[in-house]
């Protein structure tokens, strides 16, 4: 009886270790969240700058914000892939 419980404990500890390194979100969900957040920040930036700079310049600043967010995200993903080979 004691041997069976030890085997169960070992199996449970192995599954806990393998699930700890799994990603929290799926790739599709993460990309959708990044898209929504980056477009939200870009729109917020353009909306706040429009009275001061004008809509043309404000939209360019908003697009720059979106590109900067995606650049940081791409660098983080590439660094993670490099480290986790």
Protein backbone atom coordinates (compact mmCIF):
# COMPACT_ATOMS: atom_id res chain seq x y z
CA UNK A 1 0.00 0.00 0.00
CA UNK A 2 2.83 2.38 0.78
CA UNK A 3 4.49 1.74 -2.58
CA UNK A 4 1.37 2.75 -4.48
CA UNK A 5 1.06 6.05 -2.68
CA UNK A 6 4.72 6.86 -3.37
CA UNK A 7 4.20 6.19 -7.07
CA UNK A 8 1.16 8.46 -7.14
CA UNK A 9 3.10 11.24 -5.45
CA UNK A 10 5.91 10.95 -8.00
CA UNK A 11 3.46 11.13 -10.90
CA UNK A 12 1.73 14.17 -9.41
CA UNK A 13 5.03 15.98 -8.88
CA UNK A 14 6.09 15.29 -12.49
CA UNK A 15 2.89 16.72 -13.92
CA UNK A 16 3.20 19.81 -11.76
CA UNK A 17 6.69 20.48 -13.10
CA UNK A 18 5.68 20.04 -16.74
CA UNK A 19 2.67 22.35 -16.45
CA UNK A 20 4.69 25.05 -14.68
CA UNK A 21 6.76 25.66 -17.82
CA UNK A 22 3.75 25.73 -20.14
CA UNK A 23 2.63 29.11 -21.47
CA UNK A 24 -0.20 30.90 -19.66
CA UNK A 25 -2.01 31.82 -22.86
CA UNK A 26 -2.22 30.35 -26.31
CA UNK A 27 -0.42 32.05 -29.16
CA UNK A 28 -3.63 33.15 -30.86
CA UNK A 29 -5.04 34.63 -27.64
CA UNK A 30 -1.78 36.44 -26.93
CA UNK A 31 -1.66 37.98 -30.38
CA UNK A 32 -5.27 39.13 -30.12
CA UNK A 33 -4.56 40.73 -26.73
CA UNK A 34 -1.45 42.43 -28.13
CA UNK A 35 -3.42 43.73 -31.10
CA UNK A 36 -6.19 45.17 -28.93
CA UNK A 37 -3.80 46.73 -26.41
CA UNK A 38 -1.51 48.26 -29.03
CA UNK A 39 -4.40 49.70 -31.05
CA UNK A 40 -5.93 51.03 -27.84
CA UNK A 41 -2.71 52.79 -26.85
CA UNK A 42 -2.25 54.14 -30.38
CA UNK A 43 -5.80 55.50 -30.44
CA UNK A 44 -5.40 56.98 -26.98
CA UNK A 45 -2.17 58.67 -28.03
CA UNK A 46 -3.77 60.12 -31.18
CA UNK A 47 -6.87 61.26 -29.30
CA UNK A 48 -4.79 63.11 -26.69
CA UNK A 49 -2.47 64.73 -29.23
CA UNK A 50 -5.15 65.80 -31.72
CA UNK A 51 -6.03 69.14 -30.04
CA UNK A 52 -2.39 70.17 -29.82
CA UNK A 53 -0.72 68.73 -32.93
CA UNK A 54 -3.61 68.28 -35.35
CA UNK A 55 -5.07 65.02 -36.55
CA UNK A 56 -2.40 64.24 -39.15
CA UNK A 57 0.50 64.42 -36.76
CA UNK A 58 -1.52 62.78 -33.98
CA UNK A 59 -2.30 59.76 -36.16
CA UNK A 60 1.38 59.42 -37.05
CA UNK A 61 2.30 59.47 -33.36
CA UNK A 62 -0.37 56.85 -32.70
CA UNK A 63 1.00 54.61 -35.45
CA UNK A 64 4.51 55.10 -34.08
CA UNK A 65 3.29 53.98 -30.68
CA UNK A 66 1.73 50.86 -32.17
CA UNK A 67 4.92 50.03 -34.07
CA UNK A 68 7.05 50.57 -30.96
CA UNK A 69 4.85 48.25 -28.89
CA UNK A 70 5.05 45.52 -31.56
CA UNK A 71 8.84 45.97 -31.84
CA UNK A 72 9.28 45.44 -28.10
CA UNK A 73 6.97 42.43 -28.26
CA UNK A 74 8.91 40.92 -31.19
CA UNK A 75 12.23 41.43 -29.39
CA UNK A 76 10.86 39.76 -26.26
CA UNK A 77 9.53 36.78 -28.23
CA UNK A 78 12.78 36.34 -30.15
CA UNK A 79 14.82 36.56 -26.94
CA UNK A 80 12.55 33.97 -25.31
CA UNK A 81 12.93 31.61 -28.31
CA UNK A 82 16.71 32.08 -28.23
CA UNK A 83 16.95 31.31 -24.51
CA UNK A 84 14.54 28.33 -24.55
CA UNK A 85 16.14 26.35 -27.40
